[in-house]
Amino acid sequence: MEEIRRLNGTTMAVLQNKELMELLLPTLRADFALVETYTYYHEAPLGCGISVFGGLQDDLVNYDDLEAWNAQTQQNFKVRIFSGDHFFVHSNRHQLLWAMSQDLIRILEMLSMANFADL
């Protein structure tokens, strides 16, 4: 529970709701166990682009951690940083969705141009 509080991604109303926390804790424990036991194995880079998003005040993931994802693709790669901590998605929902939509539009345009070239 202390780690969940420290991460600042769960509201106090949820943390103080005993019944809800009893439902959520098994899933949260499984998530923490997955992160703690994950081992990375090198594989060939993906053939698709990767967009990475992070929080400027994130104490868990820094810019170099985000930039490291570049090694996982042979295509376009982009890092975007938003104000906020590890859960920047809560305070930057609209900006994040806009950035994601721009990336998806670019992909659709590229696919459209590739299909047109095949005609």
PDB file of N, CA and C in Angstrom:
ATOM      1  N   MET A   1       0.826  -1.195   0.000  1.00  0.00           N
ATOM      2  CA  MET A   1       0.000   0.000   0.000  1.00  0.00           C
ATOM      3  C   MET A   1       0.870   1.259   0.000  1.00  0.00           C
ATOM      4  N   GLU A   2       1.977   1.205   0.717  1.00  0.00           N
ATOM      5  CA  GLU A   2       2.864   2.369   0.741  1.00  0.00           C
ATOM      6  C   GLU A   2       3.420   2.675  -0.645  1.00  0.00           C
ATOM      7  N   GLU A   3       3.778   1.644  -1.379  1.00  0.00           N
ATOM      8  CA  GLU A   3       4.307   1.852  -2.732  1.00  0.00           C
ATOM      9  C   GLU A   3       3.235   2.433  -3.644  1.00  0.00           C
ATOM     10  N   ILE A   4       2.025   1.975  -3.503  1.00  0.00           N
ATOM     11  CA  ILE A   4       0.922   2.508  -4.308  1.00  0.00           C
ATOM     12  C   ILE A   4       0.719   3.987  -3.980  1.00  0.00           C
ATOM     13  N   ARG A   5       0.757   4.336  -2.709  1.00  0.00           N
ATOM     14  CA  ARG A   5       0.636   5.748  -2.313  1.00  0.00           C
ATOM     15  C   ARG A   5       1.790   6.573  -2.885  1.00  0.00           C
ATOM     16  N   ARG A   6       2.999   6.032  -2.782  1.00  0.00           N
ATOM     17  CA  ARG A   6       4.185   6.754  -3.236  1.00  0.00           C
ATOM     18  C   ARG A   6       4.131   7.035  -4.738  1.00  0.00           C
ATOM     19  N   LEU A   7       3.608   6.091  -5.507  1.00  0.00           N
ATOM     20  CA  LEU A   7       3.544   6.268  -6.962  1.00  0.00           C
ATOM     21  C   LEU A   7       2.571   7.367  -7.381  1.00  0.00           C
ATOM     22  N   ASN A   8       1.601   7.684  -6.513  1.00  0.00           N
ATOM     23  CA  ASN A   8       0.723   8.817  -6.745  1.00  0.00           C
ATOM     24  C   ASN A   8      -0.228   8.615  -7.925  1.00  0.00           C
ATOM     25  N   GLY A   9      -0.562   7.364  -8.235  1.00  0.00           N
ATOM     26  CA  GLY A   9      -1.450   7.110  -9.361  1.00  0.00           C
ATOM     27  C   GLY A   9      -2.850   6.688  -8.961  1.00  0.00           C
ATOM     28  N   THR A  10      -3.083   6.587  -7.643  1.00  0.00           N
ATOM     29  CA  THR A  10      -4.373   6.129  -7.140  1.00  0.00           C
ATOM     30  C   THR A  10      -4.905   7.182  -6.170  1.00  0.00           C
ATOM     31  N   THR A  11      -6.139   7.580  -6.356  1.00  0.00           N
ATOM     32  CA  THR A  11      -6.715   8.613  -5.503  1.00  0.00           C
ATOM     33  C   THR A  11      -6.883   8.115  -4.069  1.00  0.00           C
ATOM     34  N   MET A  12      -6.878   9.052  -3.141  1.00  0.00           N
ATOM     35  CA  MET A  12      -7.076   8.709  -1.730  1.00  0.00           C
ATOM     36  C   MET A  12      -8.439   8.073  -1.503  1.00  0.00           C
ATOM     37  N   ALA A  13      -9.437   8.491  -2.267  1.00  0.00           N
ATOM     38  CA  ALA A  13     -10.771   7.907  -2.125  1.00  0.00           C
ATOM     39  C   ALA A  13     -10.729   6.408  -2.400  1.00  0.00           C
ATOM     40  N   VAL A  14      -9.961   5.999  -3.398  1.00  0.00           N
ATOM     41  CA  VAL A  14      -9.820   4.578  -3.714  1.00  0.00           C
ATOM     42  C   VAL A  14      -8.986   3.890  -2.642  1.00  0.00           C
ATOM     43  N   LEU A  15      -7.876   4.495  -2.263  1.00  0.00           N
ATOM     44  CA  LEU A  15      -6.997   3.887  -1.260  1.00  0.00           C
ATOM     45  C   LEU A  15      -7.700   3.695   0.085  1.00  0.00           C
ATOM     46  N   GLN A  16      -8.624   4.562   0.408  1.00  0.00           N
ATOM     47  CA  GLN A  16      -9.322   4.487   1.690  1.00  0.00           C
ATOM     48  C   GLN A  16     -10.568   3.608   1.644  1.00  0.00           C
ATOM     49  N   ASN A  17     -10.923   3.125   0.466  1.00  0.00           N
ATOM     50  CA  ASN A  17     -12.090   2.256   0.321  1.00  0.00           C
ATOM     51  C   ASN A  17     -11.644   0.803   0.491  1.00  0.00           C
ATOM     52  N   LYS A  18     -11.895   0.244   1.674  1.00  0.00           N
ATOM     53  CA  LYS A  18     -11.393  -1.089   2.019  1.00  0.00           C
ATOM     54  C   LYS A  18     -11.894  -2.173   1.055  1.00  0.00           C
ATOM     55  N   GLU A  19     -13.174  -2.158   0.743  1.00  0.00           N
ATOM     56  CA  GLU A  19     -13.731  -3.186  -0.141  1.00  0.00           C
ATOM     57  C   GLU A  19     -13.118  -3.111  -1.547  1.00  0.00           C
ATOM     58  N   LEU A  20     -12.986  -1.898  -2.051  1.00  0.00           N
ATOM     59  CA  LEU A  20     -12.409  -1.726  -3.382  1.00  0.00           C
ATOM     60  C   LEU A  20     -10.953  -2.167  -3.398  1.00  0.00           C
ATOM     61  N   MET A  21     -10.198  -1.805  -2.360  1.00  0.00           N
ATOM     62  CA  MET A  21      -8.789  -2.197  -2.295  1.00  0.00           C
ATOM     63  C   MET A  21      -8.637  -3.714  -2.192  1.00  0.00           C
ATOM     64  N   GLU A  22      -9.549  -4.380  -1.495  1.00  0.00           N
ATOM     65  CA  GLU A  22      -9.506  -5.845  -1.425  1.00  0.00           C
ATOM     66  C   GLU A  22      -9.670  -6.454  -2.818  1.00  0.00           C
ATOM     67  N   LEU A  23     -10.470  -5.817  -3.652  1.00  0.00           N
ATOM     68  CA  LEU A  23     -10.648  -6.289  -5.032  1.00  0.00           C
ATOM     69  C   LEU A  23      -9.430  -5.990  -5.893  1.00  0.00           C
ATOM     70  N   LEU A  24      -8.819  -4.813  -5.682  1.00  0.00           N
ATOM     71  CA  LEU A  24      -7.717  -4.377  -6.536  1.00  0.00           C
ATOM     72  C   LEU A  24      -6.354  -4.950  -6.154  1.00  0.00           C
ATOM     73  N   LEU A  25      -6.144  -5.234  -4.877  1.00  0.00           N
ATOM     74  CA  LEU A  25      -4.815  -5.648  -4.425  1.00  0.00           C
ATOM     75  C   LEU A  25      -4.240  -6.877  -5.131  1.00  0.00           C
ATOM     76  N   PRO A  26      -5.024  -7.925  -5.392  1.00  0.00           N
ATOM     77  CA  PRO A  26      -4.420  -9.064  -6.111  1.00  0.00           C
ATOM     78  C   PRO A  26      -3.873  -8.677  -7.489  1.00  0.00           C
ATOM     79  N   THR A  27      -4.577  -7.824  -8.213  1.00  0.00           N
ATOM     80  CA  THR A  27      -4.111  -7.379  -9.525  1.00  0.00           C
ATOM     81  C   THR A  27      -2.877  -6.495  -9.379  1.00  0.00           C
ATOM     82  N   LEU A  28      -2.894  -5.590  -8.421  1.00  0.00           N
ATOM     83  CA  LEU A  28      -1.745  -4.714  -8.199  1.00  0.00           C
ATOM     84  C   LEU A  28      -0.517  -5.514  -7.775  1.00  0.00           C
ATOM     85  N   ARG A  29      -0.710  -6.507  -6.918  1.00  0.00           N
ATOM     86  CA  ARG A  29       0.419  -7.349  -6.503  1.00  0.00           C
ATOM     87  C   ARG A  29       0.987  -8.113  -7.702  1.00  0.00           C
ATOM     88  N   ALA A  30       0.111  -8.597  -8.562  1.00  0.00           N
ATOM     89  CA  ALA A  30       0.573  -9.316  -9.754  1.00  0.00           C
ATOM     90  C   ALA A  30       1.359  -8.374 -10.671  1.00  0.00           C
ATOM     91  N   ASP A  31       0.911  -7.139 -10.809  1.00  0.00           N
ATOM     92  CA  ASP A  31       1.631  -6.154 -11.618  1.00  0.00           C
ATOM     93  C   ASP A  31       3.022  -5.898 -11.047  1.00  0.00           C
ATOM     94  N   PHE A  32       3.103  -5.696  -9.748  1.00  0.00           N
ATOM     95  CA  PHE A  32       4.405  -5.456  -9.115  1.00  0.00           C
ATOM     96  C   PHE A  32       5.319  -6.673  -9.269  1.00  0.00           C
ATOM     97  N   ALA A  33       4.757  -7.870  -9.115  1.00  0.00           N
ATOM     98  CA  ALA A  33       5.558  -9.088  -9.259  1.00  0.00           C
ATOM     99  C   ALA A  33       6.097  -9.207 -10.682  1.00  0.00           C
ATOM    100  N   LEU A  34       5.285  -8.876 -11.656  1.00  0.00           N
ATOM    101  CA  LEU A  34       5.716  -8.924 -13.053  1.00  0.00           C
ATOM    102  C   LEU A  34       6.879  -7.972 -13.302  1.00  0.00           C
ATOM    103  N   VAL A  35       6.760  -6.754 -12.817  1.00  0.00           N
ATOM    104  CA  VAL A  35       7.822  -5.765 -13.001  1.00  0.00           C
ATOM    105  C   VAL A  35       9.106  -6.220 -12.300  1.00  0.00           C
ATOM    106  N   GLU A  36       8.969  -6.761 -11.105  1.00  0.00           N
ATOM    107  CA  GLU A  36      10.142  -7.155 -10.318  1.00  0.00           C
ATOM    108  C   GLU A  36      10.849  -8.386 -10.869  1.00  0.00           C
ATOM    109  N   THR A  37      10.150  -9.239 -11.601  1.00  0.00           N
ATOM    110  CA  THR A  37      10.755 -10.493 -12.070  1.00  0.00           C
ATOM    111  C   THR A  37      11.029 -10.521 -13.569  1.00  0.00           C
ATOM    112  N   TYR A  38      10.659  -9.455 -14.294  1.00  0.00           N
ATOM    113  CA  TYR A  38      10.839  -9.429 -15.744  1.00  0.00           C
ATOM    114  C   TYR A  38      12.324  -9.456 -16.109  1.00  0.00           C
ATOM    115  N   THR A  39      12.632 -10.271 -17.105  1.00  0.00           N
ATOM    116  CA  THR A  39      13.986 -10.320 -17.654  1.00  0.00           C
ATOM    117  C   THR A  39      13.907 -10.007 -19.139  1.00  0.00           C
ATOM    118  N   TYR A  40      14.690  -9.044 -19.586  1.00  0.00           N
ATOM    119  CA  TYR A  40      14.714  -8.651 -20.992  1.00  0.00           C
ATOM    120  C   TYR A  40      15.592  -9.620 -21.777  1.00  0.00           C
ATOM    121  N   TYR A  41      15.105 -10.043 -22.924  1.00  0.00           N
ATOM    122  CA  TYR A  41      15.890 -10.864 -23.846  1.00  0.00           C
ATOM    123  C   TYR A  41      15.966 -10.126 -25.173  1.00  0.00           C
ATOM    124  N   HIS A  42      17.175  -9.964 -25.670  1.00  0.00           N
ATOM    125  CA  HIS A  42      17.372  -9.240 -26.926  1.00  0.00           C
ATOM    126  C   HIS A  42      16.765 -10.016 -28.083  1.00  0.00           C
ATOM    127  N   GLU A  43      16.014  -9.321 -28.915  1.00  0.00           N
ATOM    128  CA  GLU A  43      15.454  -9.875 -30.141  1.00  0.00           C
ATOM    129  C   GLU A  43      15.618  -8.841 -31.244  1.00  0.00           C
ATOM    130  N   ALA A  44      15.358  -9.239 -32.463  1.00  0.00           N
ATOM    131  CA  ALA A  44      15.465  -8.319 -33.595  1.00  0.00           C
ATOM    132  C   ALA A  44      14.496  -7.150 -33.411  1.00  0.00           C
ATOM    133  N   PRO A  45      14.897  -5.954 -33.826  1.00  0.00           N
ATOM    134  CA  PRO A  45      14.007  -4.787 -33.710  1.00  0.00           C
ATOM    135  C   PRO A  45      12.722  -4.982 -34.505  1.00  0.00           C
ATOM    136  N   LEU A  46      11.680  -4.321 -34.067  1.00  0.00           N
ATOM    137  CA  LEU A  46      10.381  -4.399 -34.724  1.00  0.00           C
ATOM    138  C   LEU A  46      10.401  -3.651 -36.051  1.00  0.00           C
ATOM    139  N   GLY A  47       9.522  -4.049 -36.941  1.00  0.00           N
ATOM    140  CA  GLY A  47       9.405  -3.393 -38.236  1.00  0.00           C
ATOM    141  C   GLY A  47       8.365  -2.289 -38.235  1.00  0.00           C
ATOM    142  N   CYS A  48       7.965  -1.848 -37.074  1.00  0.00           N
ATOM    143  CA  CYS A  48       7.001  -0.746 -36.967  1.00  0.00           C
ATOM    144  C   CYS A  48       7.600   0.350 -36.083  1.00  0.00           C
ATOM    145  N   GLY A  49       7.062   1.538 -36.214  1.00  0.00           N
ATOM    146  CA  GLY A  49       7.542   2.649 -35.406  1.00  0.00           C
ATOM    147  C   GLY A  49       7.113   2.523 -33.956  1.00  0.00           C
ATOM    148  N   ILE A  50       7.782   3.263 -33.099  1.00  0.00           N
ATOM    149  CA  ILE A  50       7.446   3.283 -31.676  1.00  0.00           C
ATOM    150  C   ILE A  50       7.378   4.734 -31.214  1.00  0.00           C
ATOM    151  N   SER A  51       6.298   5.051 -30.515  1.00  0.00           N
ATOM    152  CA  SER A  51       6.158   6.341 -29.844  1.00  0.00           C
ATOM    153  C   SER A  51       6.213   6.068 -28.351  1.00  0.00           C
ATOM    154  N   VAL A  52       7.021   6.855 -27.652  1.00  0.00           N
ATOM    155  CA  VAL A  52       7.216   6.671 -26.217  1.00  0.00           C
ATOM    156  C   VAL A  52       6.821   7.956 -25.513  1.00  0.00           C
ATOM    157  N   PHE A  53       6.113   7.814 -24.409  1.00  0.00           N
ATOM    158  CA  PHE A  53       5.632   8.962 -23.657  1.00  0.00           C
ATOM    159  C   PHE A  53       6.107   8.854 -22.216  1.00  0.00           C
ATOM    160  N   GLY A  54       6.470   9.985 -21.634  1.00  0.00           N
ATOM    161  CA  GLY A  54       6.944   9.968 -20.257  1.00  0.00           C
ATOM    162  C   GLY A  54       6.609  11.247 -19.526  1.00  0.00           C
ATOM    163  N   GLY A  55       6.790  11.194 -18.204  1.00  0.00           N
ATOM    164  CA  GLY A  55       6.549  12.345 -17.345  1.00  0.00           C
ATOM    165  C   GLY A  55       7.855  12.999 -16.933  1.00  0.00           C
ATOM    166  N   LEU A  56       7.916  14.294 -17.026  1.00  0.00           N
ATOM    167  CA  LEU A  56       9.131  15.050 -16.711  1.00  0.00           C
ATOM    168  C   LEU A  56       9.575  14.853 -15.262  1.00  0.00           C
ATOM    169  N   GLN A  57       8.641  14.729 -14.350  1.00  0.00           N
ATOM    170  CA  GLN A  57       8.978  14.567 -12.941  1.00  0.00           C
ATOM    171  C   GLN A  57       8.888  13.109 -12.485  1.00  0.00           C
ATOM    172  N   ASP A  58       8.936  12.171 -13.415  1.00  0.00           N
ATOM    173  CA  ASP A  58       8.858  10.742 -13.085  1.00  0.00           C
ATOM    174  C   ASP A  58      10.146  10.302 -12.392  1.00  0.00           C
ATOM    175  N   ASP A  59      10.026   9.796 -11.164  1.00  0.00           N
ATOM    176  CA  ASP A  59      11.186   9.311 -10.419  1.00  0.00           C
ATOM    177  C   ASP A  59      11.543   7.875 -10.773  1.00  0.00           C
ATOM    178  N   LEU A  60      10.671   7.185 -11.506  1.00  0.00           N
ATOM    179  CA  LEU A  60      10.903   5.779 -11.836  1.00  0.00           C
ATOM    180  C   LEU A  60      11.502   5.577 -13.218  1.00  0.00           C
ATOM    181  N   VAL A  61      11.104   6.417 -14.165  1.00  0.00           N
ATOM    182  CA  VAL A  61      11.531   6.264 -15.561  1.00  0.00           C
ATOM    183  C   VAL A  61      12.106   7.594 -16.026  1.00  0.00           C
ATOM    184  N   ASN A  62      13.374   7.601 -16.390  1.00  0.00           N
ATOM    185  CA  ASN A  62      13.993   8.849 -16.838  1.00  0.00           C
ATOM    186  C   ASN A  62      14.076   8.891 -18.369  1.00  0.00           C
ATOM    187  N   TYR A  63      14.575   9.996 -18.892  1.00  0.00           N
ATOM    188  CA  TYR A  63      14.636  10.177 -20.345  1.00  0.00           C
ATOM    189  C   TYR A  63      15.464   9.081 -21.022  1.00  0.00           C
ATOM    190  N   ASP A  64      16.585   8.702 -20.430  1.00  0.00           N
ATOM    191  CA  ASP A  64      17.424   7.647 -21.019  1.00  0.00           C
ATOM    192  C   ASP A  64      16.670   6.323 -21.102  1.00  0.00           C
ATOM    193  N   ASP A  65      15.830   6.035 -20.101  1.00  0.00           N
ATOM    194  CA  ASP A  65      15.008   4.815 -20.133  1.00  0.00           C
ATOM    195  C   ASP A  65      14.046   4.851 -21.311  1.00  0.00           C
ATOM    196  N   LEU A  66      13.463   6.009 -21.538  1.00  0.00           N
ATOM    197  CA  LEU A  66      12.528   6.149 -22.663  1.00  0.00           C
ATOM    198  C   LEU A  66      13.266   6.052 -23.994  1.00  0.00           C
ATOM    199  N   GLU A  67      14.387   6.726 -24.083  1.00  0.00           N
ATOM    200  CA  GLU A  67      15.186   6.727 -25.316  1.00  0.00           C
ATOM    201  C   GLU A  67      15.678   5.326 -25.664  1.00  0.00           C
ATOM    202  N   ALA A  68      15.872   4.470 -24.675  1.00  0.00           N
ATOM    203  CA  ALA A  68      16.363   3.111 -24.915  1.00  0.00           C
ATOM    204  C   ALA A  68      15.411   2.295 -25.795  1.00  0.00           C
ATOM    205  N   TRP A  69      14.135   2.676 -25.827  1.00  0.00           N
ATOM    206  CA  TRP A  69      13.182   1.976 -26.685  1.00  0.00           C
ATOM    207  C   TRP A  69      13.532   2.108 -28.169  1.00  0.00           C
ATOM    208  N   ASN A  70      14.343   3.083 -28.523  1.00  0.00           N
ATOM    209  CA  ASN A  70      14.738   3.286 -29.913  1.00  0.00           C
ATOM    210  C   ASN A  70      15.420   2.040 -30.489  1.00  0.00           C
ATOM    211  N   ALA A  71      16.113   1.301 -29.641  1.00  0.00           N
ATOM    212  CA  ALA A  71      16.792   0.082 -30.095  1.00  0.00           C
ATOM    213  C   ALA A  71      15.808  -1.021 -30.481  1.00  0.00           C
ATOM    214  N   GLN A  72      14.535  -0.832 -30.160  1.00  0.00           N
ATOM    215  CA  GLN A  72      13.542  -1.872 -30.420  1.00  0.00           C
ATOM    216  C   GLN A  72      12.806  -1.699 -31.747  1.00  0.00           C
ATOM    217  N   THR A  73      13.227  -0.735 -32.551  1.00  0.00           N
ATOM    218  CA  THR A  73      12.548  -0.520 -33.828  1.00  0.00           C
ATOM    219  C   THR A  73      13.542  -0.196 -34.939  1.00  0.00           C
ATOM    220  N   GLN A  74      13.141  -0.561 -36.159  1.00  0.00           N
ATOM    221  CA  GLN A  74      13.899  -0.195 -37.358  1.00  0.00           C
ATOM    222  C   GLN A  74      13.217   0.979 -38.059  1.00  0.00           C
ATOM    223  N   GLN A  75      12.122   1.422 -37.517  1.00  0.00           N
ATOM    224  CA  GLN A  75      11.309   2.459 -38.155  1.00  0.00           C
ATOM    225  C   GLN A  75      11.359   3.748 -37.345  1.00  0.00           C
ATOM    226  N   ASN A  76      10.348   4.593 -37.557  1.00  0.00           N
ATOM    227  CA  ASN A  76      10.267   5.884 -36.860  1.00  0.00           C
ATOM    228  C   ASN A  76      10.220   5.694 -35.351  1.00  0.00           C
ATOM    229  N   PHE A  77      10.857   6.604 -34.652  1.00  0.00           N
ATOM    230  CA  PHE A  77      10.880   6.570 -33.195  1.00  0.00           C
ATOM    231  C   PHE A  77      10.731   7.989 -32.679  1.00  0.00           C
ATOM    232  N   LYS A  78       9.893   8.148 -31.662  1.00  0.00           N
ATOM    233  CA  LYS A  78       9.677   9.482 -31.113  1.00  0.00           C
ATOM    234  C   LYS A  78       9.436   9.391 -29.610  1.00  0.00           C
ATOM    235  N   VAL A  79      10.103  10.282 -28.864  1.00  0.00           N
ATOM    236  CA  VAL A  79       9.897  10.410 -27.420  1.00  0.00           C
ATOM    237  C   VAL A  79       9.182  11.725 -27.181  1.00  0.00           C
ATOM    238  N   ARG A  80       8.137  11.682 -26.373  1.00  0.00           N
ATOM    239  CA  ARG A  80       7.445  12.900 -25.964  1.00  0.00           C
ATOM    240  C   ARG A  80       7.379  12.921 -24.445  1.00  0.00           C
ATOM    241  N   ILE A  81       7.729  14.073 -23.886  1.00  0.00           N
ATOM    242  CA  ILE A  81       7.729  14.242 -22.435  1.00  0.00           C
ATOM    243  C   ILE A  81       6.636  15.241 -22.048  1.00  0.00           C
ATOM    244  N   PHE A  82       5.858  14.871 -21.049  1.00  0.00           N
ATOM    245  CA  PHE A  82       4.791  15.726 -20.537  1.00  0.00           C
ATOM    246  C   PHE A  82       5.111  16.115 -19.100  1.00  0.00           C
ATOM    247  N   SER A  83       4.573  17.234 -18.651  1.00  0.00           N
ATOM    248  CA  SER A  83       4.753  17.578 -17.247  1.00  0.00           C
ATOM    249  C   SER A  83       4.016  16.531 -16.402  1.00  0.00           C
ATOM    250  N   GLY A  84       4.592  16.225 -15.260  1.00  0.00           N
ATOM    251  CA  GLY A  84       3.953  15.268 -14.369  1.00  0.00           C
ATOM    252  C   GLY A  84       4.872  14.134 -13.985  1.00  0.00           C
ATOM    253  N   ASP A  85       4.377  13.307 -13.079  1.00  0.00           N
ATOM    254  CA  ASP A  85       5.158  12.191 -12.563  1.00  0.00           C
ATOM    255  C   ASP A  85       4.884  10.919 -13.362  1.00  0.00           C
ATOM    256  N   HIS A  86       5.029   9.759 -12.724  1.00  0.00           N
ATOM    257  CA  HIS A  86       4.851   8.483 -13.410  1.00  0.00           C
ATOM    258  C   HIS A  86       3.438   8.345 -13.994  1.00  0.00           C
ATOM    259  N   PHE A  87       2.486   9.008 -13.375  1.00  0.00           N
ATOM    260  CA  PHE A  87       1.104   8.945 -13.855  1.00  0.00           C
ATOM    261  C   PHE A  87       0.698  10.253 -14.530  1.00  0.00           C
ATOM    262  N   PHE A  88       1.586  10.755 -15.364  1.00  0.00           N
ATOM    263  CA  PHE A  88       1.340  11.991 -16.110  1.00  0.00           C
ATOM    264  C   PHE A  88       0.090  11.890 -16.962  1.00  0.00           C
ATOM    265  N   VAL A  89      -0.335  10.670 -17.259  1.00  0.00           N
ATOM    266  CA  VAL A  89      -1.507  10.485 -18.126  1.00  0.00           C
ATOM    267  C   VAL A  89      -2.763  11.094 -17.514  1.00  0.00           C
ATOM    268  N   HIS A  90      -2.818  11.158 -16.190  1.00  0.00           N
ATOM    269  CA  HIS A  90      -4.010  11.726 -15.537  1.00  0.00           C
ATOM    270  C   HIS A  90      -4.124  13.226 -15.763  1.00  0.00           C
ATOM    271  N   SER A  91      -3.014  13.929 -15.671  1.00  0.00           N
ATOM    272  CA  SER A  91      -3.064  15.388 -15.796  1.00  0.00           C
ATOM    273  C   SER A  91      -2.864  15.877 -17.223  1.00  0.00           C
ATOM    274  N   ASN A  92      -2.508  14.983 -18.133  1.00  0.00           N
ATOM    275  CA  ASN A  92      -2.228  15.369 -19.520  1.00  0.00           C
ATOM    276  C   ASN A  92      -3.024  14.542 -20.534  1.00  0.00           C
ATOM    277  N   ARG A  93      -4.190  14.113 -20.127  1.00  0.00           N
ATOM    278  CA  ARG A  93      -4.998  13.207 -20.963  1.00  0.00           C
ATOM    279  C   ARG A  93      -5.209  13.755 -22.369  1.00  0.00           C
ATOM    280  N   HIS A  94      -5.620  15.011 -22.457  1.00  0.00           N
ATOM    281  CA  HIS A  94      -5.931  15.591 -23.774  1.00  0.00           C
ATOM    282  C   HIS A  94      -4.677  15.721 -24.638  1.00  0.00           C
ATOM    283  N   GLN A  95      -3.583  16.190 -24.045  1.00  0.00           N
ATOM    284  CA  GLN A  95      -2.343  16.336 -24.800  1.00  0.00           C
ATOM    285  C   GLN A  95      -1.820  14.977 -25.258  1.00  0.00           C
ATOM    286  N   LEU A  96      -1.912  13.984 -24.392  1.00  0.00           N
ATOM    287  CA  LEU A  96      -1.467  12.634 -24.738  1.00  0.00           C
ATOM    288  C   LEU A  96      -2.307  12.059 -25.877  1.00  0.00           C
ATOM    289  N   LEU A  97      -3.611  12.191 -25.770  1.00  0.00           N
ATOM    290  CA  LEU A  97      -4.479  11.672 -26.831  1.00  0.00           C
ATOM    291  C   LEU A  97      -4.233  12.396 -28.150  1.00  0.00           C
ATOM    292  N   TRP A  98      -3.984  13.710 -28.086  1.00  0.00           N
ATOM    293  CA  TRP A  98      -3.684  14.455 -29.305  1.00  0.00           C
ATOM    294  C   TRP A  98      -2.397  13.932 -29.939  1.00  0.00           C
ATOM    295  N   ALA A  99      -1.350  13.728 -29.125  1.00  0.00           N
ATOM    296  CA  ALA A  99      -0.071  13.233 -29.645  1.00  0.00           C
ATOM    297  C   ALA A  99      -0.239  11.846 -30.256  1.00  0.00           C
ATOM    298  N   MET A 100      -0.982  10.986 -29.598  1.00  0.00           N
ATOM    299  CA  MET A 100      -1.207   9.646 -30.131  1.00  0.00           C
ATOM    300  C   MET A 100      -1.988   9.705 -31.441  1.00  0.00           C
ATOM    301  N   SER A 101      -2.981  10.585 -31.502  1.00  0.00           N
ATOM    302  CA  SER A 101      -3.767  10.688 -32.737  1.00  0.00           C
ATOM    303  C   SER A 101      -2.902  11.192 -33.893  1.00  0.00           C
ATOM    304  N   GLN A 102      -1.968  12.108 -33.615  1.00  0.00           N
ATOM    305  CA  GLN A 102      -1.072  12.595 -34.661  1.00  0.00           C
ATOM    306  C   GLN A 102      -0.191  11.471 -35.197  1.00  0.00           C
ATOM    307  N   ASP A 103       0.289  10.625 -34.303  1.00  0.00           N
ATOM    308  CA  ASP A 103       1.096   9.477 -34.736  1.00  0.00           C
ATOM    309  C   ASP A 103       0.274   8.520 -35.582  1.00  0.00           C
ATOM    310  N   LEU A 104      -0.961   8.278 -35.170  1.00  0.00           N
ATOM    311  CA  LEU A 104      -1.824   7.370 -35.929  1.00  0.00           C
ATOM    312  C   LEU A 104      -2.185   7.957 -37.290  1.00  0.00           C
ATOM    313  N   ILE A 105      -2.427   9.244 -37.351  1.00  0.00           N
ATOM    314  CA  ILE A 105      -2.712   9.898 -38.634  1.00  0.00           C
ATOM    315  C   ILE A 105      -1.516   9.734 -39.566  1.00  0.00           C
ATOM    316  N   ARG A 106      -0.299   9.945 -39.052  1.00  0.00           N
ATOM    317  CA  ARG A 106       0.907   9.790 -39.866  1.00  0.00           C
ATOM    318  C   ARG A 106       1.015   8.361 -40.409  1.00  0.00           C
ATOM    319  N   ILE A 107       0.691   7.377 -39.582  1.00  0.00           N
ATOM    320  CA  ILE A 107       0.743   5.979 -40.028  1.00  0.00           C
ATOM    321  C   ILE A 107      -0.292   5.741 -41.122  1.00  0.00           C
ATOM    322  N   LEU A 108      -1.493   6.240 -40.921  1.00  0.00           N
ATOM    323  CA  LEU A 108      -2.542   6.067 -41.930  1.00  0.00           C
ATOM    324  C   LEU A 108      -2.161   6.731 -43.250  1.00  0.00           C
ATOM    325  N   GLU A 109      -1.560   7.907 -43.166  1.00  0.00           N
ATOM    326  CA  GLU A 109      -1.117   8.583 -44.386  1.00  0.00           C
ATOM    327  C   GLU A 109      -0.048   7.776 -45.102  1.00  0.00           C
ATOM    328  N   MET A 110       0.882   7.205 -44.365  1.00  0.00           N
ATOM    329  CA  MET A 110       1.935   6.393 -44.976  1.00  0.00           C
ATOM    330  C   MET A 110       1.345   5.147 -45.614  1.00  0.00           C
ATOM    331  N   LEU A 111       0.389   4.504 -44.935  1.00  0.00           N
ATOM    332  CA  LEU A 111      -0.262   3.329 -45.493  1.00  0.00           C
ATOM    333  C   LEU A 111      -1.048   3.682 -46.753  1.00  0.00           C
ATOM    334  N   SER A 112      -1.700   4.804 -46.712  1.00  0.00           N
ATOM    335  CA  SER A 112      -2.480   5.261 -47.849  1.00  0.00           C
ATOM    336  C   SER A 112      -1.585   5.508 -49.068  1.00  0.00           C
ATOM    337  N   MET A 113      -0.437   6.161 -48.817  1.00  0.00           N
ATOM    338  CA  MET A 113       0.508   6.427 -49.900  1.00  0.00           C
ATOM    339  C   MET A 113       1.097   5.133 -50.434  1.00  0.00           C
ATOM    340  N   ALA A 114       1.361   4.163 -49.571  1.00  0.00           N
ATOM    341  CA  ALA A 114       1.922   2.878 -49.997  1.00  0.00           C
ATOM    342  C   ALA A 114       0.896   2.128 -50.839  1.00  0.00           C
ATOM    343  N   ASN A 115      -0.365   2.157 -50.441  1.00  0.00           N
ATOM    344  CA  ASN A 115      -1.410   1.486 -51.211  1.00  0.00           C
ATOM    345  C   ASN A 115      -1.629   2.154 -52.565  1.00  0.00           C
ATOM    346  N   PHE A 116      -1.538   3.478 -52.604  1.00  0.00           N
ATOM    347  CA  PHE A 116      -1.689   4.208 -53.854  1.00  0.00           C
ATOM    348  C   PHE A 116      -0.542   3.852 -54.811  1.00  0.00           C
ATOM    349  N   ALA A 117       0.649   3.684 -54.278  1.00  0.00           N
ATOM    350  CA  ALA A 117       1.812   3.347 -55.119  1.00  0.00           C
ATOM    351  C   ALA A 117       1.688   1.958 -55.723  1.00  0.00           C
ATOM    352  N   ASP A 118       0.907   1.081 -55.076  1.00  0.00           N
ATOM    353  CA  ASP A 118       0.732  -0.286 -55.571  1.00  0.00           C
ATOM    354  C   ASP A 118      -0.231  -0.355 -56.741  1.00  0.00           C
ATOM    355  N   LEU A 119      -1.013   0.706 -56.975  1.00  0.00           N
ATOM    356  CA  LEU A 119      -2.020   0.687 -58.063  1.00  0.00           C
ATOM    357  C   LEU A 119      -1.421   0.764 -59.411  1.00  0.00           C
TER     358      LEU A 119
END
